[in-house]
Amino acid sequence: MTTHTAPAGRLRHPPELEAEPFGDSALMLRIKHDDADFRRAAGSRLRDVLLEVRPYGVLDIVAGVESLLVEFDCLAVTHEQLAQTIRLAVAGNGLEPGAPSASRSLFVIPMVVSEEFSPDLPDVAEELGLSPEAVLQQFQSSVLTINLLAAAMAPMMGGVRFPGQVSRCVEPRTNVEPGSVMVAGTNAIIQPFPGPSGWKVIGRTPLTICDIRQNPATSYKPGDLVRFEVVPEHGWSRLEGQFLRASSDGPPSDGAEGGNNDLP
């Protein structure tokens, strides 16, 4: 296990961390704070810290929107021992937003908007009191964070800069096409494979975001950043089926973002 020297200020005022037993061999971790954005940012930072430190006995770390499930070898360590080790790691590394974190990638994802690919865009615009063009402008200006991988490795992202919450469909669709870009609340998600969903569809990417022939099947992970870019419909054929890769420019540091997958 990696050891770190803890700055005194961090030891005195670390964020309060809840660590509850989850069965015989797991801990459910949550950050106690009044601000949801802080909880999510601190949760992402906590995951980075644990991946870097790798406490003894830890087998897997599963990210939730505002929680982490840490699975461990119950023959190697107890709930109490692991919780204490994690708290020491938090004190030594800090969970404050802006603290140094493990490497994360930026994905700039092309999205085509059309009557076929964006059936719910008019409804989303009406609900938010904006024009469809303004909805897309705000969506493209948002740098989203992948909070967790949902069913079928779908990236669930938070941080859409809408002026309000977007409701889900009154009647969920029984089949949504792969690549569909969907929103609900101030979150976004991409449909990796055909399937049902109650989220509202505002576009579609021609890229393949999950491919079981690849190793790993996805190139993104919780904590990575995503920006969407609306591209002309005629660019679809050139990008269709390409596997999603991270931007070569890396994550934004001062508001600038890079390109991805040779956008048209």
C-alpha atoms as a PDB file:
ATOM      1  CA  MET A   1       0.000   0.000   0.000  1.00  0.00           C
ATOM      2  CA  THR A   2       1.262   3.468  -0.903  1.00  0.00           C
ATOM      3  CA  THR A   3       1.834   5.786   2.058  1.00  0.00           C
ATOM      4  CA  HIS A   4       1.424   9.559   2.009  1.00  0.00           C
ATOM      5  CA  THR A   5       2.316  12.366   4.362  1.00  0.00           C
ATOM      6  CA  ALA A   6      -0.872  14.181   5.274  1.00  0.00           C
ATOM      7  CA  PRO A   7      -0.929  17.987   5.357  1.00  0.00           C
ATOM      8  CA  ALA A   8      -2.070  19.147   8.784  1.00  0.00           C
ATOM      9  CA  GLY A   9      -4.972  21.200   7.442  1.00  0.00           C
ATOM     10  CA  ARG A  10      -6.425  18.165   5.673  1.00  0.00           C
ATOM     11  CA  LEU A  11      -6.177  16.044   8.801  1.00  0.00           C
ATOM     12  CA  ARG A  12      -8.053  18.654  10.821  1.00  0.00           C
ATOM     13  CA  HIS A  13     -10.894  19.233   8.362  1.00  0.00           C
ATOM     14  CA  PRO A  14     -11.464  16.245   6.060  1.00  0.00           C
ATOM     15  CA  PRO A  15     -14.968  15.885   4.531  1.00  0.00           C
ATOM     16  CA  GLU A  16     -17.126  13.588   6.626  1.00  0.00           C
ATOM     17  CA  LEU A  17     -17.150  10.124   5.117  1.00  0.00           C
ATOM     18  CA  GLU A  18     -19.842   7.528   5.790  1.00  0.00           C
ATOM     19  CA  ALA A  19     -18.665   3.914   5.482  1.00  0.00           C
ATOM     20  CA  GLU A  20     -21.456   1.383   5.962  1.00  0.00           C
ATOM     21  CA  PRO A  21     -21.086  -2.419   5.708  1.00  0.00           C
ATOM     22  CA  PHE A  22     -22.733  -3.783   2.561  1.00  0.00           C
ATOM     23  CA  GLY A  23     -22.951  -7.523   3.053  1.00  0.00           C
ATOM     24  CA  ASP A  24     -19.991  -9.545   4.276  1.00  0.00           C
ATOM     25  CA  SER A  25     -17.412  -8.193   1.855  1.00  0.00           C
ATOM     26  CA  ALA A  26     -18.210  -4.646   0.789  1.00  0.00           C
ATOM     27  CA  LEU A  27     -18.411  -1.086   2.096  1.00  0.00           C
ATOM     28  CA  MET A  28     -20.787   1.596   0.831  1.00  0.00           C
ATOM     29  CA  LEU A  29     -19.038   4.986   0.950  1.00  0.00           C
ATOM     30  CA  ARG A  30     -20.820   8.345   0.888  1.00  0.00           C
ATOM     31  CA  ILE A  31     -19.610  11.931   1.374  1.00  0.00           C
ATOM     32  CA  LYS A  32     -21.698  13.935   3.853  1.00  0.00           C
ATOM     33  CA  HIS A  33     -22.220  17.458   2.517  1.00  0.00           C
ATOM     34  CA  ASP A  34     -25.207  19.734   1.848  1.00  0.00           C
ATOM     35  CA  ASP A  35     -24.174  20.532  -1.729  1.00  0.00           C
ATOM     36  CA  ALA A  36     -24.920  17.818  -4.318  1.00  0.00           C
ATOM     37  CA  ASP A  37     -22.261  19.106  -6.731  1.00  0.00           C
ATOM     38  CA  PHE A  38     -19.647  18.883  -3.971  1.00  0.00           C
ATOM     39  CA  ARG A  39     -20.752  15.342  -3.074  1.00  0.00           C
ATOM     40  CA  ARG A  40     -20.401  14.205  -6.671  1.00  0.00           C
ATOM     41  CA  ALA A  41     -17.045  15.922  -7.200  1.00  0.00           C
ATOM     42  CA  ALA A  42     -15.718  14.595  -3.901  1.00  0.00           C
ATOM     43  CA  GLY A  43     -17.023  11.112  -4.724  1.00  0.00           C
ATOM     44  CA  SER A  44     -15.151  11.164  -8.018  1.00  0.00           C
ATOM     45  CA  ARG A  45     -12.021  12.337  -6.220  1.00  0.00           C
ATOM     46  CA  LEU A  46     -12.477   9.568  -3.600  1.00  0.00           C
ATOM     47  CA  ARG A  47     -12.544   6.963  -6.353  1.00  0.00           C
ATOM     48  CA  ASP A  48      -9.302   8.375  -7.793  1.00  0.00           C
ATOM     49  CA  VAL A  49      -7.651   8.268  -4.353  1.00  0.00           C
ATOM     50  CA  LEU A  50      -8.639   4.639  -3.780  1.00  0.00           C
ATOM     51  CA  LEU A  51      -7.470   3.595  -7.244  1.00  0.00           C
ATOM     52  CA  GLU A  52      -4.133   5.253  -6.542  1.00  0.00           C
ATOM     53  CA  VAL A  53      -3.663   3.962  -2.996  1.00  0.00           C
ATOM     54  CA  ARG A  54      -5.279   0.533  -3.533  1.00  0.00           C
ATOM     55  CA  PRO A  55      -5.851  -0.350   0.148  1.00  0.00           C
ATOM     56  CA  TYR A  56      -4.945  -3.891   1.108  1.00  0.00           C
ATOM     57  CA  GLY A  57      -7.727  -6.380   0.399  1.00  0.00           C
ATOM     58  CA  VAL A  58      -9.702  -4.205  -2.040  1.00  0.00           C
ATOM     59  CA  LEU A  59     -10.976  -6.203  -5.028  1.00  0.00           C
ATOM     60  CA  ASP A  60     -13.185  -3.746  -6.927  1.00  0.00           C
ATOM     61  CA  ILE A  61     -14.572  -0.193  -6.774  1.00  0.00           C
ATOM     62  CA  VAL A  62     -18.024   0.457  -8.265  1.00  0.00           C
ATOM     63  CA  ALA A  63     -19.036   4.092  -8.777  1.00  0.00           C
ATOM     64  CA  GLY A  64     -22.548   5.393  -8.127  1.00  0.00           C
ATOM     65  CA  VAL A  65     -23.873   8.909  -8.680  1.00  0.00           C
ATOM     66  CA  GLU A  66     -23.066   9.953  -5.100  1.00  0.00           C
ATOM     67  CA  SER A  67     -21.617   6.764  -3.633  1.00  0.00           C
ATOM     68  CA  LEU A  68     -18.863   4.186  -4.020  1.00  0.00           C
ATOM     69  CA  LEU A  69     -19.201   0.464  -3.395  1.00  0.00           C
ATOM     70  CA  VAL A  70     -15.835  -0.981  -2.352  1.00  0.00           C
ATOM     71  CA  GLU A  71     -15.662  -4.778  -2.580  1.00  0.00           C
ATOM     72  CA  PHE A  72     -12.918  -6.508  -0.583  1.00  0.00           C
ATOM     73  CA  ASP A  73     -11.552  -9.865   0.488  1.00  0.00           C
ATOM     74  CA  CYS A  74     -13.201 -10.519   3.849  1.00  0.00           C
ATOM     75  CA  LEU A  75     -10.461 -13.060   4.693  1.00  0.00           C
ATOM     76  CA  ALA A  76      -7.804 -10.360   4.340  1.00  0.00           C
ATOM     77  CA  VAL A  77      -9.414  -7.362   6.040  1.00  0.00           C
ATOM     78  CA  THR A  78     -12.501  -6.465   8.103  1.00  0.00           C
ATOM     79  CA  HIS A  79     -15.070  -3.745   7.478  1.00  0.00           C
ATOM     80  CA  GLU A  80     -13.631  -1.681  10.331  1.00  0.00           C
ATOM     81  CA  GLN A  81     -10.011  -2.037   9.230  1.00  0.00           C
ATOM     82  CA  LEU A  82     -10.771  -1.066   5.649  1.00  0.00           C
ATOM     83  CA  ALA A  83     -12.941   1.895   6.694  1.00  0.00           C
ATOM     84  CA  GLN A  84     -10.094   3.196   8.876  1.00  0.00           C
ATOM     85  CA  THR A  85      -7.577   2.778   6.043  1.00  0.00           C
ATOM     86  CA  ILE A  86      -9.862   4.668   3.660  1.00  0.00           C
ATOM     87  CA  ARG A  87     -10.332   7.519   6.142  1.00  0.00           C
ATOM     88  CA  LEU A  88      -6.550   7.804   6.530  1.00  0.00           C
ATOM     89  CA  ALA A  89      -6.185   7.887   2.736  1.00  0.00           C
ATOM     90  CA  VAL A  90      -8.808  10.645   2.539  1.00  0.00           C
ATOM     91  CA  ALA A  91      -7.028  12.656   5.240  1.00  0.00           C
ATOM     92  CA  GLY A  92      -3.722  12.253   3.457  1.00  0.00           C
ATOM     93  CA  ASN A  93      -4.888  13.090  -0.054  1.00  0.00           C
ATOM     94  CA  GLY A  94      -7.884  15.401   0.323  1.00  0.00           C
ATOM     95  CA  LEU A  95     -11.255  15.312  -1.434  1.00  0.00           C
ATOM     96  CA  GLU A  96     -11.611  19.024  -2.125  1.00  0.00           C
ATOM     97  CA  PRO A  97     -12.748  19.923  -5.662  1.00  0.00           C
ATOM     98  CA  GLY A  98      -9.679  20.904  -7.611  1.00  0.00           C
ATOM     99  CA  ALA A  99      -7.369  18.584  -5.672  1.00  0.00           C
ATOM    100  CA  PRO A 100      -4.965  16.646  -7.896  1.00  0.00           C
ATOM    101  CA  SER A 101      -6.612  13.512  -9.257  1.00  0.00           C
ATOM    102  CA  ALA A 102      -5.757  10.450 -11.225  1.00  0.00           C
ATOM    103  CA  SER A 103      -5.593  10.723 -14.995  1.00  0.00           C
ATOM    104  CA  ARG A 104      -8.933  11.336 -16.679  1.00  0.00           C
ATOM    105  CA  SER A 105      -9.784  11.630 -20.339  1.00  0.00           C
ATOM    106  CA  LEU A 106     -11.893  14.009 -22.393  1.00  0.00           C
ATOM    107  CA  PHE A 107     -14.273  12.665 -25.032  1.00  0.00           C
ATOM    108  CA  VAL A 108     -15.676  15.010 -27.677  1.00  0.00           C
ATOM    109  CA  ILE A 109     -18.638  13.127 -29.112  1.00  0.00           C
ATOM    110  CA  PRO A 110     -20.225  14.055 -32.459  1.00  0.00           C
ATOM    111  CA  MET A 111     -24.019  14.150 -32.441  1.00  0.00           C
ATOM    112  CA  VAL A 112     -26.403  14.429 -35.391  1.00  0.00           C
ATOM    113  CA  VAL A 113     -29.690  16.252 -34.851  1.00  0.00           C
ATOM    114  CA  SER A 114     -32.618  15.514 -37.152  1.00  0.00           C
ATOM    115  CA  GLU A 115     -36.320  14.780 -37.013  1.00  0.00           C
ATOM    116  CA  GLU A 116     -35.536  11.049 -36.901  1.00  0.00           C
ATOM    117  CA  PHE A 117     -32.654  11.221 -34.428  1.00  0.00           C
ATOM    118  CA  SER A 118     -34.089  13.910 -32.098  1.00  0.00           C
ATOM    119  CA  PRO A 119     -37.771  13.073 -31.515  1.00  0.00           C
ATOM    120  CA  ASP A 120     -37.916  14.680 -28.059  1.00  0.00           C
ATOM    121  CA  LEU A 121     -35.958  17.877 -28.753  1.00  0.00           C
ATOM    122  CA  PRO A 122     -39.096  20.015 -29.300  1.00  0.00           C
ATOM    123  CA  ASP A 123     -40.611  18.770 -26.020  1.00  0.00           C
ATOM    124  CA  VAL A 124     -37.374  19.438 -24.106  1.00  0.00           C
ATOM    125  CA  ALA A 125     -37.224  22.960 -25.568  1.00  0.00           C
ATOM    126  CA  GLU A 126     -40.840  23.675 -24.590  1.00  0.00           C
ATOM    127  CA  GLU A 127     -40.304  22.323 -21.084  1.00  0.00           C
ATOM    128  CA  LEU A 128     -37.229  24.515 -20.542  1.00  0.00           C
ATOM    129  CA  GLY A 129     -38.785  27.588 -22.176  1.00  0.00           C
ATOM    130  CA  LEU A 130     -36.053  27.712 -24.829  1.00  0.00           C
ATOM    131  CA  SER A 131     -35.806  27.311 -28.574  1.00  0.00           C
ATOM    132  CA  PRO A 132     -34.441  23.969 -29.842  1.00  0.00           C
ATOM    133  CA  GLU A 133     -31.340  25.844 -31.016  1.00  0.00           C
ATOM    134  CA  ALA A 134     -30.783  27.273 -27.525  1.00  0.00           C
ATOM    135  CA  VAL A 135     -31.175  23.817 -25.966  1.00  0.00           C
ATOM    136  CA  LEU A 136     -28.491  22.442 -28.256  1.00  0.00           C
ATOM    137  CA  GLN A 137     -26.232  25.428 -27.620  1.00  0.00           C
ATOM    138  CA  GLN A 138     -26.413  24.922 -23.856  1.00  0.00           C
ATOM    139  CA  PHE A 139     -25.950  21.184 -24.249  1.00  0.00           C
ATOM    140  CA  GLN A 140     -22.831  21.654 -26.385  1.00  0.00           C
ATOM    141  CA  SER A 141     -21.387  24.205 -23.946  1.00  0.00           C
ATOM    142  CA  SER A 142     -21.635  21.711 -21.055  1.00  0.00           C
ATOM    143  CA  VAL A 143     -18.571  19.716 -20.029  1.00  0.00           C
ATOM    144  CA  LEU A 144     -20.095  16.624 -18.456  1.00  0.00           C
ATOM    145  CA  THR A 145     -18.618  14.169 -15.970  1.00  0.00           C
ATOM    146  CA  ILE A 146     -19.248  10.447 -16.269  1.00  0.00           C
ATOM    147  CA  ASN A 147     -20.611   9.594 -12.833  1.00  0.00           C
ATOM    148  CA  LEU A 148     -21.156   5.887 -13.374  1.00  0.00           C
ATOM    149  CA  LEU A 149     -21.581   3.166 -15.964  1.00  0.00           C
ATOM    150  CA  ALA A 150     -25.219   2.109 -16.038  1.00  0.00           C
ATOM    151  CA  ALA A 151     -26.796  -0.959 -17.652  1.00  0.00           C
ATOM    152  CA  ALA A 152     -24.909  -2.260 -20.716  1.00  0.00           C
ATOM    153  CA  MET A 153     -21.983   0.072 -19.867  1.00  0.00           C
ATOM    154  CA  ALA A 154     -23.998   3.185 -20.712  1.00  0.00           C
ATOM    155  CA  PRO A 155     -22.135   6.324 -19.550  1.00  0.00           C
ATOM    156  CA  MET A 156     -24.362   8.302 -17.162  1.00  0.00           C
ATOM    157  CA  MET A 157     -23.176  11.895 -17.133  1.00  0.00           C
ATOM    158  CA  GLY A 158     -23.948  14.845 -14.886  1.00  0.00           C
ATOM    159  CA  GLY A 159     -23.511  18.570 -15.360  1.00  0.00           C
ATOM    160  CA  VAL A 160     -25.799  19.544 -18.249  1.00  0.00           C
ATOM    161  CA  ARG A 161     -26.151  23.334 -18.146  1.00  0.00           C
ATOM    162  CA  PHE A 162     -29.904  23.517 -18.600  1.00  0.00           C
ATOM    163  CA  PRO A 163     -31.876  26.222 -16.734  1.00  0.00           C
ATOM    164  CA  GLY A 164     -34.111  23.569 -15.187  1.00  0.00           C
ATOM    165  CA  GLN A 165     -34.821  19.859 -14.846  1.00  0.00           C
ATOM    166  CA  VAL A 166     -35.942  17.790 -17.832  1.00  0.00           C
ATOM    167  CA  SER A 167     -38.690  15.294 -17.049  1.00  0.00           C
ATOM    168  CA  ARG A 168     -38.705  11.736 -18.330  1.00  0.00           C
ATOM    169  CA  CYS A 169     -41.104  10.483 -20.989  1.00  0.00           C
ATOM    170  CA  VAL A 170     -44.650   9.847 -19.801  1.00  0.00           C
ATOM    171  CA  GLU A 171     -44.552   6.541 -21.673  1.00  0.00           C
ATOM    172  CA  PRO A 172     -41.072   4.974 -21.971  1.00  0.00           C
ATOM    173  CA  ARG A 173     -40.033   3.752 -25.407  1.00  0.00           C
ATOM    174  CA  THR A 174     -39.728  -0.007 -25.784  1.00  0.00           C
ATOM    175  CA  ASN A 175     -36.783   0.326 -28.188  1.00  0.00           C
ATOM    176  CA  VAL A 176     -34.229   3.121 -28.477  1.00  0.00           C
ATOM    177  CA  GLU A 177     -31.555   2.940 -31.179  1.00  0.00           C
ATOM    178  CA  PRO A 178     -27.870   2.564 -30.271  1.00  0.00           C
ATOM    179  CA  GLY A 179     -26.025   5.871 -30.108  1.00  0.00           C
ATOM    180  CA  SER A 180     -29.105   7.806 -29.015  1.00  0.00           C
ATOM    181  CA  VAL A 181     -28.144  10.792 -26.843  1.00  0.00           C
ATOM    182  CA  MET A 182     -30.728  11.273 -24.095  1.00  0.00           C
ATOM    183  CA  VAL A 183     -31.361  13.682 -21.233  1.00  0.00           C
ATOM    184  CA  ALA A 184     -33.310  13.652 -17.959  1.00  0.00           C
ATOM    185  CA  GLY A 185     -32.972  16.056 -15.045  1.00  0.00           C
ATOM    186  CA  THR A 186     -29.614  17.708 -15.695  1.00  0.00           C
ATOM    187  CA  ASN A 187     -28.045  14.398 -16.696  1.00  0.00           C
ATOM    188  CA  ALA A 188     -27.277  12.783 -20.046  1.00  0.00           C
ATOM    189  CA  ILE A 189     -26.734   9.203 -21.173  1.00  0.00           C
ATOM    190  CA  ILE A 190     -25.931   7.384 -24.415  1.00  0.00           C
ATOM    191  CA  GLN A 191     -27.721   4.175 -25.416  1.00  0.00           C
ATOM    192  CA  PRO A 192     -25.001   1.596 -26.227  1.00  0.00           C
ATOM    193  CA  PHE A 193     -27.345  -1.130 -27.553  1.00  0.00           C
ATOM    194  CA  PRO A 194     -31.019  -1.289 -28.623  1.00  0.00           C
ATOM    195  CA  GLY A 195     -33.334  -1.291 -25.632  1.00  0.00           C
ATOM    196  CA  PRO A 196     -36.071   0.472 -23.682  1.00  0.00           C
ATOM    197  CA  SER A 197     -35.645   3.881 -22.041  1.00  0.00           C
ATOM    198  CA  GLY A 198     -37.723   6.657 -20.528  1.00  0.00           C
ATOM    199  CA  TRP A 199     -35.083   9.352 -21.125  1.00  0.00           C
ATOM    200  CA  LYS A 200     -35.730  12.009 -23.784  1.00  0.00           C
ATOM    201  CA  VAL A 201     -33.823  11.595 -27.043  1.00  0.00           C
ATOM    202  CA  ILE A 202     -32.289  14.793 -28.466  1.00  0.00           C
ATOM    203  CA  GLY A 203     -29.721  13.393 -30.907  1.00  0.00           C
ATOM    204  CA  ARG A 204     -27.657  10.409 -32.001  1.00  0.00           C
ATOM    205  CA  THR A 205     -23.950   9.780 -32.343  1.00  0.00           C
ATOM    206  CA  PRO A 206     -22.652   7.749 -35.306  1.00  0.00           C
ATOM    207  CA  LEU A 207     -19.850   6.365 -33.136  1.00  0.00           C
ATOM    208  CA  THR A 208     -19.866   2.953 -31.461  1.00  0.00           C
ATOM    209  CA  ILE A 209     -19.447   3.610 -27.733  1.00  0.00           C
ATOM    210  CA  CYS A 210     -19.375  -0.009 -26.549  1.00  0.00           C
ATOM    211  CA  ASP A 211     -17.922  -2.869 -28.563  1.00  0.00           C
ATOM    212  CA  ILE A 212     -17.450  -6.302 -27.016  1.00  0.00           C
ATOM    213  CA  ARG A 213     -14.778  -7.043 -29.629  1.00  0.00           C
ATOM    214  CA  GLN A 214     -12.592  -4.354 -28.098  1.00  0.00           C
ATOM    215  CA  ASN A 215     -10.536  -4.872 -24.937  1.00  0.00           C
ATOM    216  CA  PRO A 216     -11.786  -3.136 -22.893  1.00  0.00           C
ATOM    217  CA  ALA A 217     -15.241  -2.862 -24.445  1.00  0.00           C
ATOM    218  CA  THR A 218     -15.422   0.861 -23.615  1.00  0.00           C
ATOM    219  CA  SER A 219     -12.712   3.506 -23.684  1.00  0.00           C
ATOM    220  CA  TYR A 220     -14.323   5.672 -20.985  1.00  0.00           C
ATOM    221  CA  LYS A 221     -14.574   5.282 -17.219  1.00  0.00           C
ATOM    222  CA  PRO A 222     -16.227   7.096 -14.287  1.00  0.00           C
ATOM    223  CA  GLY A 223     -14.581  10.475 -13.750  1.00  0.00           C
ATOM    224  CA  ASP A 224     -13.873  11.087 -17.445  1.00  0.00           C
ATOM    225  CA  LEU A 225     -15.174  14.238 -19.131  1.00  0.00           C
ATOM    226  CA  VAL A 226     -17.508  14.479 -22.125  1.00  0.00           C
ATOM    227  CA  ARG A 227     -18.472  17.273 -24.480  1.00  0.00           C
ATOM    228  CA  PHE A 228     -20.993  16.866 -27.308  1.00  0.00           C
ATOM    229  CA  GLU A 229     -20.644  18.563 -30.681  1.00  0.00           C
ATOM    230  CA  VAL A 230     -23.481  18.772 -33.202  1.00  0.00           C
ATOM    231  CA  VAL A 231     -22.229  17.808 -36.676  1.00  0.00           C
ATOM    232  CA  PRO A 232     -23.952  17.962 -40.080  1.00  0.00           C
ATOM    233  CA  GLU A 233     -26.009  14.967 -41.114  1.00  0.00           C
ATOM    234  CA  HIS A 234     -23.800  14.440 -44.168  1.00  0.00           C
ATOM    235  CA  GLY A 235     -20.900  13.618 -41.816  1.00  0.00           C
ATOM    236  CA  TRP A 236     -22.714  10.540 -40.494  1.00  0.00           C
ATOM    237  CA  SER A 237     -21.467   8.070 -43.101  1.00  0.00           C
ATOM    238  CA  ARG A 238     -17.799   8.941 -42.543  1.00  0.00           C
ATOM    239  CA  LEU A 239     -18.013   8.460 -38.759  1.00  0.00           C
ATOM    240  CA  GLU A 240     -20.536   5.621 -38.556  1.00  0.00           C
ATOM    241  CA  GLY A 241     -19.259   2.626 -36.636  1.00  0.00           C
ATOM    242  CA  GLN A 242     -15.963   4.176 -35.511  1.00  0.00           C
ATOM    243  CA  PHE A 243     -15.088   3.198 -31.945  1.00  0.00           C
ATOM    244  CA  LEU A 244     -15.196   6.102 -29.511  1.00  0.00           C
ATOM    245  CA  ARG A 245     -11.721   7.250 -28.503  1.00  0.00           C
ATOM    246  CA  ALA A 246     -10.570   9.966 -26.115  1.00  0.00           C
ATOM    247  CA  SER A 247      -9.533  13.344 -27.437  1.00  0.00           C
ATOM    248  CA  SER A 248      -5.828  13.582 -28.120  1.00  0.00           C
ATOM    249  CA  ASP A 249      -5.806  17.042 -26.518  1.00  0.00           C
ATOM    250  CA  GLY A 250      -6.703  15.724 -23.052  1.00  0.00           C
ATOM    251  CA  PRO A 251      -9.137  17.229 -20.537  1.00  0.00           C
ATOM    252  CA  PRO A 252      -9.802  20.993 -20.509  1.00  0.00           C
ATOM    253  CA  SER A 253      -7.726  23.000 -18.057  1.00  0.00           C
ATOM    254  CA  ASP A 254      -8.850  26.559 -18.800  1.00  0.00           C
ATOM    255  CA  GLY A 255     -12.110  26.214 -20.677  1.00  0.00           C
ATOM    256  CA  ALA A 256     -10.619  24.965 -23.953  1.00  0.00           C
ATOM    257  CA  GLU A 257     -11.557  21.560 -25.284  1.00  0.00           C
ATOM    258  CA  GLY A 258     -10.047  19.388 -27.978  1.00  0.00           C
ATOM    259  CA  GLY A 259     -11.369  17.349 -30.863  1.00  0.00           C
ATOM    260  CA  ASN A 260     -12.137  13.640 -31.184  1.00  0.00           C
ATOM    261  CA  ASN A 261     -12.593  10.972 -33.823  1.00  0.00           C
ATOM    262  CA  ASP A 262     -11.757  13.302 -36.719  1.00  0.00           C
ATOM    263  CA  LEU A 263     -14.940  15.390 -36.574  1.00  0.00           C
ATOM    264  CA  PRO A 264     -16.125  16.802 -39.884  1.00  0.00           C
END
